[in-house]
Amino acid sequence: MDRQLDAEVALRLARADQRYTGLRRALVEVLAGAGRPLTIPEILQSRPGLSQSSAYRNVSVLVDADVVRRVTGAGDHGHFELAEDLAGHHHHIVCSSCGRVADVVPSPGLERALDEAARATTGFEVTEHRFDLVGVCAECR
């Protein structure tokens, strides 16, 4: 795992009076390597032997420490990924049939257009945004 990411996660957990345990490190490692938001069952599949209650409890600690964020999906399970400032800015595409969530990296032109549209129509200066596209994935079509 990236040393800089590891150090930042440890710092955020320390600020929240939490330790960077081996289990939390493993969860961060899984999410960092996934390339898309994962559900707890998907995390459990990649780490055999990890109990569901431990996964939920430790993911909650990581969310509270601003290391992980919950992404809204269309299925029964929440999806989790590293916080945007750790993983890089991106948007999501959500399958309305199976609930799968995937990352989509927008073009700089689209990002500028979104910011300009918000400023022109509302007067807001956008400091961050989240944008989800909903459709049907190739497997569900």
N, C-alpha and C. Protein backbone atom coordinates (compact mmCIF):
# COMPACT_ATOMS: atom_id res chain seq x y z
N MET A 1 0.84 -1.18 0.00
CA MET A 1 0.00 0.00 0.00
C MET A 1 0.89 1.24 0.00
N ASP A 2 0.41 2.29 -0.58
CA ASP A 2 1.11 3.57 -0.67
C ASP A 2 1.42 4.11 0.73
N ARG A 3 2.68 4.44 0.98
CA ARG A 3 3.10 4.92 2.30
C ARG A 3 2.42 6.24 2.66
N GLN A 4 2.24 7.10 1.67
CA GLN A 4 1.61 8.39 1.93
C GLN A 4 0.15 8.19 2.36
N LEU A 5 -0.56 7.29 1.68
CA LEU A 5 -1.93 6.97 2.05
C LEU A 5 -1.95 6.38 3.45
N ASP A 6 -1.07 5.46 3.71
CA ASP A 6 -0.98 4.81 5.02
C ASP A 6 -0.77 5.85 6.12
N ALA A 7 0.13 6.79 5.91
CA ALA A 7 0.42 7.82 6.90
C ALA A 7 -0.79 8.74 7.11
N GLU A 8 -1.47 9.10 6.04
CA GLU A 8 -2.64 9.98 6.16
C GLU A 8 -3.78 9.28 6.89
N VAL A 9 -4.00 8.01 6.61
CA VAL A 9 -5.05 7.25 7.31
C VAL A 9 -4.72 7.18 8.80
N ALA A 10 -3.47 6.89 9.13
CA ALA A 10 -3.06 6.81 10.54
C ALA A 10 -3.29 8.15 11.23
N LEU A 11 -2.98 9.24 10.56
CA LEU A 11 -3.17 10.58 11.13
C LEU A 11 -4.65 10.87 11.37
N ARG A 12 -5.49 10.55 10.41
CA ARG A 12 -6.93 10.80 10.56
C ARG A 12 -7.52 9.97 11.69
N LEU A 13 -7.09 8.74 11.79
CA LEU A 13 -7.58 7.90 12.88
C LEU A 13 -7.10 8.42 14.24
N ALA A 14 -5.86 8.87 14.31
CA ALA A 14 -5.33 9.42 15.56
C ALA A 14 -6.12 10.66 15.98
N ARG A 15 -6.47 11.51 15.01
CA ARG A 15 -7.28 12.70 15.31
C ARG A 15 -8.64 12.32 15.88
N ALA A 16 -9.14 11.15 15.50
CA ALA A 16 -10.43 10.66 15.98
C ALA A 16 -10.26 9.77 17.22
N ASP A 17 -9.06 9.80 17.80
CA ASP A 17 -8.74 8.97 18.97
C ASP A 17 -8.94 7.49 18.71
N GLN A 18 -8.55 7.06 17.51
CA GLN A 18 -8.65 5.66 17.12
C GLN A 18 -7.27 5.16 16.68
N ARG A 19 -7.06 3.87 16.80
CA ARG A 19 -5.79 3.28 16.38
C ARG A 19 -5.92 2.73 14.96
N TYR A 20 -4.81 2.69 14.27
CA TYR A 20 -4.76 2.11 12.92
C TYR A 20 -4.39 0.64 13.09
N THR A 21 -5.37 -0.17 13.35
CA THR A 21 -5.17 -1.59 13.62
C THR A 21 -4.91 -2.36 12.32
N GLY A 22 -4.50 -3.58 12.46
CA GLY A 22 -4.28 -4.43 11.28
C GLY A 22 -5.55 -4.64 10.48
N LEU A 23 -6.67 -4.78 11.16
CA LEU A 23 -7.95 -4.96 10.47
C LEU A 23 -8.33 -3.71 9.68
N ARG A 24 -8.14 -2.56 10.28
CA ARG A 24 -8.45 -1.30 9.58
C ARG A 24 -7.52 -1.10 8.39
N ARG A 25 -6.27 -1.47 8.57
CA ARG A 25 -5.31 -1.39 7.46
C ARG A 25 -5.75 -2.32 6.32
N ALA A 26 -6.20 -3.51 6.66
CA ALA A 26 -6.67 -4.45 5.64
C ALA A 26 -7.89 -3.91 4.91
N LEU A 27 -8.82 -3.28 5.64
CA LEU A 27 -10.00 -2.69 5.00
C LEU A 27 -9.61 -1.56 4.05
N VAL A 28 -8.69 -0.71 4.48
CA VAL A 28 -8.22 0.38 3.62
C VAL A 28 -7.54 -0.18 2.38
N GLU A 29 -6.75 -1.23 2.57
CA GLU A 29 -6.05 -1.87 1.46
C GLU A 29 -7.05 -2.44 0.43
N VAL A 30 -8.09 -3.10 0.91
CA VAL A 30 -9.11 -3.66 0.02
C VAL A 30 -9.79 -2.54 -0.77
N LEU A 31 -10.20 -1.49 -0.07
CA LEU A 31 -10.90 -0.39 -0.74
C LEU A 31 -9.98 0.36 -1.70
N ALA A 32 -8.72 0.53 -1.33
CA ALA A 32 -7.77 1.23 -2.20
C ALA A 32 -7.50 0.45 -3.49
N GLY A 33 -7.54 -0.85 -3.40
CA GLY A 33 -7.24 -1.69 -4.56
C GLY A 33 -8.45 -2.06 -5.40
N ALA A 34 -9.63 -1.72 -4.94
CA ALA A 34 -10.85 -2.19 -5.60
C ALA A 34 -11.16 -1.48 -6.92
N GLY A 35 -10.89 -0.19 -7.00
CA GLY A 35 -11.21 0.55 -8.23
C GLY A 35 -12.68 0.92 -8.37
N ARG A 36 -13.48 0.60 -7.35
CA ARG A 36 -14.90 0.95 -7.33
C ARG A 36 -15.40 0.78 -5.90
N PRO A 37 -16.51 1.41 -5.56
CA PRO A 37 -17.07 1.22 -4.23
C PRO A 37 -17.51 -0.23 -4.01
N LEU A 38 -17.30 -0.73 -2.79
CA LEU A 38 -17.63 -2.11 -2.46
C LEU A 38 -18.66 -2.18 -1.34
N THR A 39 -19.46 -3.22 -1.37
CA THR A 39 -20.37 -3.51 -0.27
C THR A 39 -19.61 -4.29 0.79
N ILE A 40 -20.16 -4.38 1.99
CA ILE A 40 -19.54 -5.19 3.03
C ILE A 40 -19.42 -6.65 2.59
N PRO A 41 -20.46 -7.24 1.96
CA PRO A 41 -20.28 -8.62 1.48
C PRO A 41 -19.12 -8.76 0.49
N GLU A 42 -18.92 -7.77 -0.37
CA GLU A 42 -17.79 -7.83 -1.31
C GLU A 42 -16.46 -7.72 -0.57
N ILE A 43 -16.42 -6.89 0.45
CA ILE A 43 -15.20 -6.77 1.27
C ILE A 43 -14.92 -8.10 1.96
N LEU A 44 -15.97 -8.72 2.49
CA LEU A 44 -15.81 -10.01 3.18
C LEU A 44 -15.31 -11.10 2.24
N GLN A 45 -15.74 -11.07 0.99
CA GLN A 45 -15.27 -12.06 0.00
C GLN A 45 -13.77 -11.92 -0.23
N SER A 46 -13.27 -10.69 -0.18
CA SER A 46 -11.85 -10.49 -0.45
C SER A 46 -10.98 -10.74 0.78
N ARG A 47 -11.58 -10.83 1.95
CA ARG A 47 -10.85 -11.09 3.19
C ARG A 47 -11.51 -12.23 3.96
N PRO A 48 -11.32 -13.47 3.51
CA PRO A 48 -11.91 -14.61 4.21
C PRO A 48 -11.50 -14.62 5.68
N GLY A 49 -12.42 -14.99 6.53
CA GLY A 49 -12.13 -15.04 7.96
C GLY A 49 -12.53 -13.78 8.70
N LEU A 50 -12.78 -12.71 8.00
CA LEU A 50 -13.20 -11.46 8.62
C LEU A 50 -14.68 -11.57 8.96
N SER A 51 -15.04 -11.28 10.19
CA SER A 51 -16.45 -11.39 10.57
C SER A 51 -17.22 -10.16 10.07
N GLN A 52 -18.48 -10.38 9.77
CA GLN A 52 -19.33 -9.31 9.26
C GLN A 52 -19.45 -8.18 10.29
N SER A 53 -19.63 -8.53 11.55
CA SER A 53 -19.79 -7.49 12.58
C SER A 53 -18.52 -6.66 12.72
N SER A 54 -17.35 -7.29 12.64
CA SER A 54 -16.08 -6.55 12.71
C SER A 54 -15.93 -5.64 11.51
N ALA A 55 -16.31 -6.12 10.34
CA ALA A 55 -16.21 -5.30 9.13
C ALA A 55 -17.09 -4.06 9.26
N TYR A 56 -18.35 -4.25 9.63
CA TYR A 56 -19.26 -3.10 9.78
C TYR A 56 -18.75 -2.13 10.84
N ARG A 57 -18.35 -2.65 11.98
CA ARG A 57 -17.89 -1.80 13.08
C ARG A 57 -16.66 -0.98 12.66
N ASN A 58 -15.70 -1.63 12.01
CA ASN A 58 -14.47 -0.93 11.63
C ASN A 58 -14.66 0.00 10.44
N VAL A 59 -15.53 -0.35 9.51
CA VAL A 59 -15.85 0.57 8.42
C VAL A 59 -16.51 1.83 8.99
N SER A 60 -17.36 1.66 10.00
CA SER A 60 -18.00 2.82 10.64
C SER A 60 -16.97 3.74 11.28
N VAL A 61 -15.96 3.15 11.93
CA VAL A 61 -14.88 3.96 12.51
C VAL A 61 -14.14 4.72 11.41
N LEU A 62 -13.87 4.04 10.28
CA LEU A 62 -13.17 4.68 9.17
C LEU A 62 -14.02 5.79 8.55
N VAL A 63 -15.33 5.61 8.49
CA VAL A 63 -16.22 6.67 7.99
C VAL A 63 -16.17 7.87 8.94
N ASP A 64 -16.28 7.62 10.24
CA ASP A 64 -16.26 8.70 11.23
C ASP A 64 -14.94 9.47 11.22
N ALA A 65 -13.85 8.82 10.82
CA ALA A 65 -12.54 9.46 10.78
C ALA A 65 -12.26 10.11 9.42
N ASP A 66 -13.25 10.14 8.53
CA ASP A 66 -13.11 10.72 7.18
C ASP A 66 -12.06 10.01 6.33
N VAL A 67 -11.93 8.72 6.53
CA VAL A 67 -11.04 7.89 5.71
C VAL A 67 -11.86 7.22 4.60
N VAL A 68 -13.06 6.82 4.94
CA VAL A 68 -13.96 6.11 4.02
C VAL A 68 -15.26 6.88 3.95
N ARG A 69 -15.91 6.80 2.80
CA ARG A 69 -17.25 7.40 2.69
C ARG A 69 -18.22 6.37 2.13
N ARG A 70 -19.47 6.55 2.52
CA ARG A 70 -20.54 5.67 2.04
C ARG A 70 -21.09 6.27 0.76
N VAL A 71 -21.28 5.42 -0.23
CA VAL A 71 -21.83 5.83 -1.52
C VAL A 71 -23.22 5.22 -1.65
N THR A 72 -24.17 6.01 -2.03
CA THR A 72 -25.52 5.51 -2.19
C THR A 72 -25.61 4.69 -3.47
N GLY A 73 -26.15 3.48 -3.34
CA GLY A 73 -26.37 2.61 -4.48
C GLY A 73 -27.84 2.29 -4.61
N ALA A 74 -28.18 1.47 -5.56
CA ALA A 74 -29.58 1.11 -5.78
C ALA A 74 -29.97 -0.19 -5.11
N GLY A 75 -29.02 -0.90 -4.50
CA GLY A 75 -29.31 -2.20 -3.90
C GLY A 75 -29.58 -2.10 -2.42
N ASP A 76 -29.61 -3.26 -1.78
CA ASP A 76 -29.88 -3.34 -0.35
C ASP A 76 -28.68 -2.96 0.51
N HIS A 77 -27.49 -3.03 -0.04
CA HIS A 77 -26.27 -2.79 0.73
C HIS A 77 -25.68 -1.42 0.40
N GLY A 78 -25.09 -0.79 1.43
CA GLY A 78 -24.32 0.42 1.20
C GLY A 78 -23.02 0.05 0.51
N HIS A 79 -22.47 0.99 -0.21
CA HIS A 79 -21.18 0.81 -0.88
C HIS A 79 -20.19 1.76 -0.21
N PHE A 80 -18.95 1.32 -0.08
CA PHE A 80 -17.94 2.11 0.61
C PHE A 80 -16.70 2.25 -0.27
N GLU A 81 -16.07 3.42 -0.15
CA GLU A 81 -14.83 3.69 -0.87
C GLU A 81 -14.00 4.64 -0.04
N LEU A 82 -12.73 4.79 -0.41
CA LEU A 82 -11.89 5.76 0.27
C LEU A 82 -12.45 7.17 0.04
N ALA A 83 -12.25 8.04 1.00
CA ALA A 83 -12.68 9.43 0.87
C ALA A 83 -12.08 10.02 -0.40
N GLU A 84 -12.83 10.93 -1.00
CA GLU A 84 -12.43 11.47 -2.31
C GLU A 84 -11.05 12.12 -2.29
N ASP A 85 -10.71 12.83 -1.22
CA ASP A 85 -9.40 13.47 -1.18
C ASP A 85 -8.25 12.46 -1.07
N LEU A 86 -8.57 11.22 -0.71
CA LEU A 86 -7.56 10.16 -0.68
C LEU A 86 -7.51 9.38 -2.00
N ALA A 87 -8.66 9.23 -2.64
CA ALA A 87 -8.76 8.38 -3.83
C ALA A 87 -8.77 9.16 -5.14
N GLY A 88 -9.00 10.45 -5.09
CA GLY A 88 -9.10 11.24 -6.31
C GLY A 88 -10.55 11.50 -6.68
N HIS A 89 -10.79 12.62 -7.32
CA HIS A 89 -12.15 13.02 -7.67
C HIS A 89 -12.71 12.14 -8.79
N HIS A 90 -13.95 11.71 -8.60
CA HIS A 90 -14.64 10.92 -9.61
C HIS A 90 -16.13 10.94 -9.30
N HIS A 91 -16.90 10.41 -10.21
CA HIS A 91 -18.34 10.29 -10.04
C HIS A 91 -18.69 8.81 -10.08
N HIS A 92 -19.98 8.51 -9.98
CA HIS A 92 -20.41 7.10 -9.96
C HIS A 92 -21.51 6.85 -10.97
N ILE A 93 -21.53 5.62 -11.45
CA ILE A 93 -22.63 5.15 -12.27
C ILE A 93 -23.23 3.97 -11.51
N VAL A 94 -24.56 3.98 -11.34
CA VAL A 94 -25.26 3.02 -10.51
C VAL A 94 -26.22 2.22 -11.37
N CYS A 95 -26.16 0.90 -11.28
CA CYS A 95 -27.10 0.06 -12.01
C CYS A 95 -28.40 -0.04 -11.20
N SER A 96 -29.49 0.39 -11.80
CA SER A 96 -30.78 0.37 -11.10
C SER A 96 -31.35 -1.03 -10.99
N SER A 97 -30.75 -1.98 -11.68
CA SER A 97 -31.24 -3.36 -11.62
C SER A 97 -30.52 -4.17 -10.54
N CYS A 98 -29.19 -4.23 -10.59
CA CYS A 98 -28.45 -5.06 -9.64
C CYS A 98 -27.82 -4.25 -8.50
N GLY A 99 -27.78 -2.93 -8.61
CA GLY A 99 -27.22 -2.09 -7.56
C GLY A 99 -25.73 -1.87 -7.63
N ARG A 100 -25.06 -2.45 -8.62
CA ARG A 100 -23.61 -2.28 -8.77
C ARG A 100 -23.27 -0.80 -8.94
N VAL A 101 -22.19 -0.38 -8.33
CA VAL A 101 -21.71 1.01 -8.43
C VAL A 101 -20.31 0.99 -9.01
N ALA A 102 -20.06 1.81 -10.02
CA ALA A 102 -18.73 1.89 -10.64
C ALA A 102 -18.29 3.35 -10.67
N ASP A 103 -16.98 3.55 -10.68
CA ASP A 103 -16.42 4.90 -10.76
C ASP A 103 -16.39 5.38 -12.20
N VAL A 104 -16.61 6.67 -12.37
CA VAL A 104 -16.50 7.32 -13.67
C VAL A 104 -15.66 8.58 -13.47
N VAL A 105 -14.57 8.69 -14.21
CA VAL A 105 -13.72 9.88 -14.11
C VAL A 105 -14.15 10.86 -15.19
N PRO A 106 -14.65 12.04 -14.78
CA PRO A 106 -15.15 13.01 -15.76
C PRO A 106 -14.01 13.78 -16.42
N SER A 107 -14.32 14.34 -17.58
CA SER A 107 -13.34 15.17 -18.27
C SER A 107 -13.25 16.53 -17.56
N PRO A 108 -12.12 17.20 -17.67
CA PRO A 108 -11.99 18.53 -17.08
C PRO A 108 -13.04 19.51 -17.64
N GLY A 109 -13.39 19.36 -18.91
CA GLY A 109 -14.40 20.23 -19.52
C GLY A 109 -15.76 20.07 -18.86
N LEU A 110 -16.14 18.84 -18.57
CA LEU A 110 -17.41 18.59 -17.89
C LEU A 110 -17.39 19.20 -16.49
N GLU A 111 -16.28 19.04 -15.79
CA GLU A 111 -16.16 19.62 -14.45
C GLU A 111 -16.32 21.13 -14.47
N ARG A 112 -15.66 21.80 -15.42
CA ARG A 112 -15.80 23.26 -15.55
C ARG A 112 -17.23 23.65 -15.87
N ALA A 113 -17.86 22.90 -16.78
CA ALA A 113 -19.24 23.21 -17.18
C ALA A 113 -20.19 23.08 -15.99
N LEU A 114 -20.03 22.05 -15.17
CA LEU A 114 -20.87 21.89 -13.98
C LEU A 114 -20.70 23.06 -13.02
N ASP A 115 -19.45 23.44 -12.76
CA ASP A 115 -19.18 24.57 -11.87
C ASP A 115 -19.76 25.87 -12.42
N GLU A 116 -19.55 26.10 -13.71
CA GLU A 116 -20.06 27.32 -14.34
C GLU A 116 -21.58 27.36 -14.34
N ALA A 117 -22.23 26.23 -14.60
CA ALA A 117 -23.70 26.18 -14.60
C ALA A 117 -24.24 26.48 -13.21
N ALA A 118 -23.64 25.92 -12.19
CA ALA A 118 -24.09 26.18 -10.81
C ALA A 118 -23.92 27.65 -10.45
N ARG A 119 -22.80 28.22 -10.83
CA ARG A 119 -22.52 29.63 -10.52
C ARG A 119 -23.50 30.54 -11.26
N ALA A 120 -23.73 30.24 -12.54
CA ALA A 120 -24.59 31.10 -13.36
C ALA A 120 -26.05 31.04 -12.94
N THR A 121 -26.52 29.86 -12.55
CA THR A 121 -27.94 29.73 -12.23
C THR A 121 -28.28 29.95 -10.77
N THR A 122 -27.31 29.78 -9.87
CA THR A 122 -27.60 29.91 -8.44
C THR A 122 -26.74 30.92 -7.72
N GLY A 123 -25.63 31.31 -8.34
CA GLY A 123 -24.70 32.20 -7.67
C GLY A 123 -23.77 31.50 -6.70
N PHE A 124 -23.90 30.18 -6.59
CA PHE A 124 -23.05 29.40 -5.70
C PHE A 124 -21.64 29.32 -6.24
N GLU A 125 -20.67 29.36 -5.34
CA GLU A 125 -19.31 28.98 -5.70
C GLU A 125 -19.16 27.54 -5.24
N VAL A 126 -19.03 26.63 -6.18
CA VAL A 126 -18.97 25.21 -5.86
C VAL A 126 -17.60 24.88 -5.26
N THR A 127 -17.61 24.23 -4.10
CA THR A 127 -16.36 23.82 -3.46
C THR A 127 -16.14 22.31 -3.60
N GLU A 128 -17.22 21.57 -3.80
CA GLU A 128 -17.14 20.14 -4.08
C GLU A 128 -18.49 19.71 -4.63
N HIS A 129 -18.52 18.57 -5.28
CA HIS A 129 -19.79 18.05 -5.77
C HIS A 129 -19.72 16.53 -5.90
N ARG A 130 -20.91 15.94 -5.92
CA ARG A 130 -21.07 14.50 -6.13
C ARG A 130 -22.09 14.33 -7.23
N PHE A 131 -21.79 13.47 -8.14
CA PHE A 131 -22.64 13.31 -9.32
C PHE A 131 -22.77 11.83 -9.62
N ASP A 132 -23.99 11.31 -9.58
CA ASP A 132 -24.23 9.90 -9.86
C ASP A 132 -25.10 9.75 -11.11
N LEU A 133 -24.71 8.86 -11.98
CA LEU A 133 -25.51 8.51 -13.15
C LEU A 133 -26.18 7.18 -12.85
N VAL A 134 -27.43 7.04 -13.20
CA VAL A 134 -28.17 5.81 -12.94
C VAL A 134 -28.60 5.22 -14.28
N GLY A 135 -28.40 3.92 -14.42
CA GLY A 135 -28.76 3.22 -15.66
C GLY A 135 -28.78 1.73 -15.42
N VAL A 136 -28.60 0.97 -16.47
CA VAL A 136 -28.58 -0.48 -16.39
C VAL A 136 -27.24 -0.96 -16.93
N CYS A 137 -26.53 -1.75 -16.13
CA CYS A 137 -25.20 -2.22 -16.52
C CYS A 137 -25.30 -3.24 -17.67
N ALA A 138 -24.16 -3.53 -18.28
CA ALA A 138 -24.11 -4.45 -19.41
C ALA A 138 -24.59 -5.85 -19.02
N GLU A 139 -24.28 -6.31 -17.80
CA GLU A 139 -24.69 -7.64 -17.37
C GLU A 139 -26.21 -7.75 -17.20
N CYS A 140 -26.85 -6.66 -16.80
CA CYS A 140 -28.30 -6.68 -16.55
C CYS A 140 -29.12 -6.42 -17.82
N ARG A 141 -28.51 -5.82 -18.82
CA ARG A 141 -29.25 -5.56 -20.06
C ARG A 141 -29.53 -6.86 -20.70
